[in-house]
Amino acid sequence: MDLEKQPQQPVAPAGPAPAGIRASDADRDRIADILREAMAEGRLTAEEHAERVDLVYRAKTVGELEPLVRDLPVQPGPARPSAPAYGYDAEAPTGPAENLVAVFSSSTRKGRWRVSGRTNAFAVFGSVEIDLTEALFGQRLTVINATSVFGSVEIKVPENISLRGSGTGIFGNFEVGTLESADPEAPVVIVNGYSVLGSVEAKPKRGKLIANLHKQLRKHLGH
């Protein structure tokens, strides 16, 4: 048998996902993390960051995501010390989305509760109220999909988080009072959806700050 060494063919490394493949939540979160780091390092202004993040959560394929970070370094920078000001965990919780439905009725979520990563609010000839001012955020990013048909969806948030949204009003009103927190570690709430002969409104509630709520919780627990 000829034991002479033969040149071995190099094994091609696994390439990136094809541009046309559907983007997953993990894909979108990865791009959002890169954008957040870029804003914290001064590579993006707050306005540029908000514009790109909006496109991230509207993207349907991987090919739509990659151009949003093409001019940014993709390697994560040195880890920053975790700020103790906010009452959410480092890891996003897994589990199904929370659904709030009001058909010829009303549905309310408020008080001290742990916010799900995704919430679907649906109002038909009814009203849905989501009050996040005393909520505990289990993750940095929270997405609310709001639909109103001859009804209303009202969302209230603390004044010192980031609030963004994208939606349409068809003979109705879709209004999100955009906020951009100066702290890149602050929770981000994104409101998407549409209203038909109804209203979807998201805005900050004056005087409510999430840091204050966290301090109150620590005091209540005796920490």
Protein backbone atom coordinates (compact mmCIF):
# COMPACT_ATOMS: atom_id res chain seq x y z
CA MET A 1 0.00 0.00 0.00
CA ASP A 2 1.32 3.44 -0.89
CA LEU A 3 1.66 5.32 2.38
CA GLU A 4 2.99 8.46 0.73
CA LYS A 5 1.40 11.49 2.30
CA GLN A 6 -1.29 13.10 0.31
CA PRO A 7 -2.20 16.79 0.67
CA GLN A 8 -5.39 17.18 2.59
CA GLN A 9 -8.16 19.40 1.36
CA PRO A 10 -8.96 22.21 3.80
CA VAL A 11 -12.36 22.06 5.39
CA ALA A 12 -14.36 25.14 4.48
CA PRO A 13 -15.64 26.97 7.55
CA ALA A 14 -19.34 27.36 7.93
CA GLY A 15 -20.33 30.61 6.29
CA PRO A 16 -22.92 33.11 7.38
CA ALA A 17 -26.57 32.36 6.88
CA PRO A 18 -27.78 33.02 3.30
CA ALA A 19 -29.06 36.55 2.87
CA GLY A 20 -32.51 35.34 1.82
CA ILE A 21 -33.13 33.21 4.92
CA ARG A 22 -35.80 34.44 7.32
CA ALA A 23 -34.38 36.34 10.29
CA SER A 24 -34.96 34.91 13.77
CA ASP A 25 -35.45 36.81 17.01
CA ALA A 26 -31.88 35.82 17.93
CA ASP A 27 -30.60 37.35 14.66
CA ARG A 28 -32.39 40.61 15.38
CA ASP A 29 -31.18 40.70 19.00
CA ARG A 30 -27.58 40.13 17.84
CA ILE A 31 -27.74 43.13 15.48
CA ALA A 32 -29.47 45.25 18.14
CA ASP A 33 -26.64 44.46 20.60
CA ILE A 34 -24.03 45.61 18.05
CA LEU A 35 -25.94 48.86 17.52
CA ARG A 36 -26.25 49.41 21.27
CA GLU A 37 -22.49 48.95 21.72
CA ALA A 38 -21.84 51.35 18.82
CA MET A 39 -23.98 54.06 20.42
CA ALA A 40 -22.28 53.54 23.81
CA GLU A 41 -18.87 53.96 22.12
CA GLY A 42 -19.95 57.12 20.30
CA ARG A 43 -19.93 55.56 16.83
CA LEU A 44 -23.65 56.29 16.37
CA THR A 45 -25.74 59.22 17.49
CA ALA A 46 -28.96 58.58 19.40
CA GLU A 47 -30.96 59.45 16.27
CA GLU A 48 -28.95 57.07 14.06
CA HIS A 49 -29.27 54.33 16.69
CA ALA A 50 -33.05 54.74 16.93
CA GLU A 51 -33.43 54.71 13.13
CA ARG A 52 -31.38 51.54 12.71
CA VAL A 53 -33.02 49.68 15.59
CA ASP A 54 -36.41 50.45 14.06
CA LEU A 55 -35.21 48.83 10.81
CA VAL A 56 -33.85 45.84 12.76
CA TYR A 57 -37.25 44.90 14.14
CA ARG A 58 -38.96 45.44 10.79
CA ALA A 59 -36.47 43.25 8.89
CA LYS A 60 -37.74 39.91 7.61
CA THR A 61 -34.51 38.37 6.26
CA VAL A 62 -30.86 38.14 7.32
CA GLY A 63 -29.94 40.10 4.20
CA GLU A 64 -31.90 43.09 5.49
CA LEU A 65 -30.07 42.99 8.84
CA GLU A 66 -26.43 42.84 7.80
CA PRO A 67 -26.25 46.25 6.02
CA LEU A 68 -27.30 47.92 9.29
CA VAL A 69 -23.96 47.01 10.92
CA ARG A 70 -21.73 46.85 7.84
CA ASP A 71 -19.91 50.05 8.87
CA LEU A 72 -19.53 48.97 12.51
CA PRO A 73 -17.14 46.59 14.30
CA VAL A 74 -18.96 43.35 15.00
CA GLN A 75 -16.66 42.05 17.74
CA PRO A 76 -18.06 42.81 21.19
CA GLY A 77 -16.01 45.33 23.14
CA PRO A 78 -14.81 44.82 26.70
CA ALA A 79 -17.61 44.03 29.07
CA ARG A 80 -18.82 47.02 31.02
CA PRO A 81 -19.65 46.66 34.72
CA SER A 82 -23.29 45.88 35.17
CA ALA A 83 -25.18 48.87 36.47
CA PRO A 84 -27.28 48.13 39.55
CA ALA A 85 -29.81 50.84 38.74
CA TYR A 86 -32.30 48.59 36.95
CA GLY A 87 -34.29 45.63 38.19
CA TYR A 88 -33.93 43.20 35.29
CA ASP A 89 -31.77 40.14 34.75
CA ALA A 90 -28.87 39.90 32.31
CA GLU A 91 -30.52 37.08 30.35
CA ALA A 92 -33.83 37.47 28.54
CA PRO A 93 -36.47 35.04 29.80
CA THR A 94 -37.75 32.36 27.50
CA GLY A 95 -41.40 31.53 27.10
CA PRO A 96 -44.51 32.42 25.16
CA ALA A 97 -45.70 35.94 24.52
CA GLU A 98 -48.31 37.41 26.84
CA ASN A 99 -51.66 38.12 25.16
CA LEU A 100 -54.07 40.87 26.22
CA VAL A 101 -57.38 40.70 24.34
CA ALA A 102 -60.44 42.97 24.68
CA VAL A 103 -63.48 42.27 22.49
CA PHE A 104 -66.43 44.45 23.52
CA SER A 105 -64.67 44.63 26.88
CA SER A 106 -61.54 45.93 28.59
CA SER A 107 -58.23 44.38 29.61
CA THR A 108 -55.68 45.97 31.97
CA ARG A 109 -52.15 45.08 33.01
CA LYS A 110 -50.60 47.33 35.66
CA GLY A 111 -48.99 47.41 39.08
CA ARG A 112 -45.93 45.36 40.10
CA TRP A 113 -45.49 42.62 37.49
CA ARG A 114 -42.66 41.08 35.46
CA VAL A 115 -42.86 42.13 31.84
CA SER A 116 -42.70 39.45 29.17
CA GLY A 117 -40.24 39.90 26.31
CA ARG A 118 -43.16 40.03 23.88
CA THR A 119 -46.73 41.13 24.47
CA ASN A 120 -49.61 41.05 21.98
CA ALA A 121 -52.42 43.55 22.64
CA PHE A 122 -55.63 43.21 20.60
CA ALA A 123 -58.67 45.47 21.06
CA VAL A 124 -61.89 45.17 19.04
CA PHE A 125 -64.67 47.50 20.21
CA GLY A 126 -62.83 47.45 23.52
CA SER A 127 -59.81 48.86 25.36
CA VAL A 128 -56.45 47.51 26.47
CA GLU A 129 -54.32 49.37 29.02
CA ILE A 130 -50.68 48.41 29.63
CA ASP A 131 -48.95 50.32 32.42
CA LEU A 132 -45.21 49.60 32.68
CA THR A 133 -44.41 52.31 35.22
CA GLU A 134 -44.23 49.87 38.15
CA ALA A 135 -43.27 46.77 36.19
CA LEU A 136 -40.09 44.70 36.56
CA PHE A 137 -38.28 44.22 33.26
CA GLY A 138 -36.96 40.67 32.88
CA GLN A 139 -34.95 41.70 29.79
CA ARG A 140 -33.52 44.82 28.22
CA LEU A 141 -35.73 44.64 25.11
CA THR A 142 -39.52 44.46 25.26
CA VAL A 143 -41.67 44.33 22.11
CA ILE A 144 -45.39 45.12 22.19
CA ASN A 145 -47.50 44.31 19.13
CA ALA A 146 -50.65 46.43 19.36
CA THR A 147 -53.75 46.10 17.17
CA SER A 148 -56.85 48.25 17.59
CA VAL A 149 -60.05 47.94 15.55
CA PHE A 150 -62.79 50.31 16.69
CA GLY A 151 -61.03 50.25 20.05
CA SER A 152 -58.01 51.58 21.93
CA VAL A 153 -54.65 50.36 23.19
CA GLU A 154 -52.91 52.65 25.69
CA ILE A 155 -49.34 52.03 26.86
CA LYS A 156 -47.61 53.98 29.65
CA VAL A 157 -43.89 53.73 30.37
CA PRO A 158 -41.40 55.25 32.87
CA GLU A 159 -39.76 58.50 31.77
CA ASN A 160 -36.18 57.21 31.75
CA ILE A 161 -36.37 54.23 29.39
CA SER A 162 -36.08 54.17 25.60
CA LEU A 163 -39.40 54.05 23.76
CA ARG A 164 -39.74 53.55 20.02
CA GLY A 165 -42.45 52.44 17.65
CA SER A 166 -43.60 51.85 14.13
CA GLY A 167 -47.21 51.55 13.01
CA THR A 168 -50.08 52.80 10.90
CA GLY A 169 -53.40 54.45 11.63
CA ILE A 170 -56.17 53.76 9.10
CA PHE A 171 -58.91 56.27 9.79
CA GLY A 172 -57.48 56.13 13.28
CA ASN A 173 -54.52 57.15 15.41
CA PHE A 174 -51.17 55.43 15.97
CA GLU A 175 -48.91 57.54 18.18
CA VAL A 176 -45.70 56.63 20.02
CA GLY A 177 -43.96 59.33 22.08
CA THR A 178 -40.38 58.42 21.17
CA LEU A 179 -37.83 58.49 24.01
CA GLU A 180 -34.09 57.87 23.93
CA SER A 181 -32.52 57.20 27.30
CA ALA A 182 -29.07 58.64 27.95
CA ASP A 183 -28.17 55.34 29.63
CA PRO A 184 -27.42 52.56 27.07
CA GLU A 185 -28.29 49.96 29.73
CA ALA A 186 -31.84 51.25 30.16
CA PRO A 187 -34.75 49.05 29.05
CA VAL A 188 -36.00 49.51 25.49
CA VAL A 189 -39.71 49.21 24.67
CA ILE A 190 -40.72 48.94 21.01
CA VAL A 191 -44.39 49.31 20.06
CA ASN A 192 -45.45 48.02 16.63
CA GLY A 193 -48.89 47.60 15.09
CA TYR A 194 -51.81 49.44 13.55
CA SER A 195 -55.20 50.89 14.31
CA VAL A 196 -58.36 50.88 12.19
CA LEU A 197 -60.95 53.45 13.26
CA GLY A 198 -59.35 53.26 16.67
CA SER A 199 -56.23 54.36 18.51
CA VAL A 200 -52.88 53.03 19.70
CA GLU A 201 -50.97 55.38 22.00
CA ALA A 202 -47.69 54.90 23.89
CA LYS A 203 -46.18 57.65 26.04
CA PRO A 204 -44.16 58.24 29.21
CA LYS A 205 -45.92 58.86 32.49
CA ARG A 206 -44.64 62.03 34.15
CA GLY A 207 -42.71 61.50 37.37
CA LYS A 208 -42.26 57.72 37.01
CA LEU A 209 -38.63 56.55 36.93
CA ILE A 210 -37.62 52.91 36.83
CA ALA A 211 -34.51 53.46 38.98
CA ASN A 212 -36.70 54.74 41.84
CA LEU A 213 -38.89 51.68 41.56
CA HIS A 214 -35.89 49.38 41.77
CA LYS A 215 -34.67 51.11 44.94
CA GLN A 216 -38.13 50.70 46.47
CA LEU A 217 -38.08 46.98 45.63
CA ARG A 218 -34.63 46.52 47.25
CA LYS A 219 -35.86 48.32 50.38
CA HIS A 220 -38.98 46.15 50.46
CA LEU A 221 -36.86 42.99 50.23
CA GLY A 222 -34.52 44.26 52.98
CA HIS A 223 -31.41 44.56 50.75
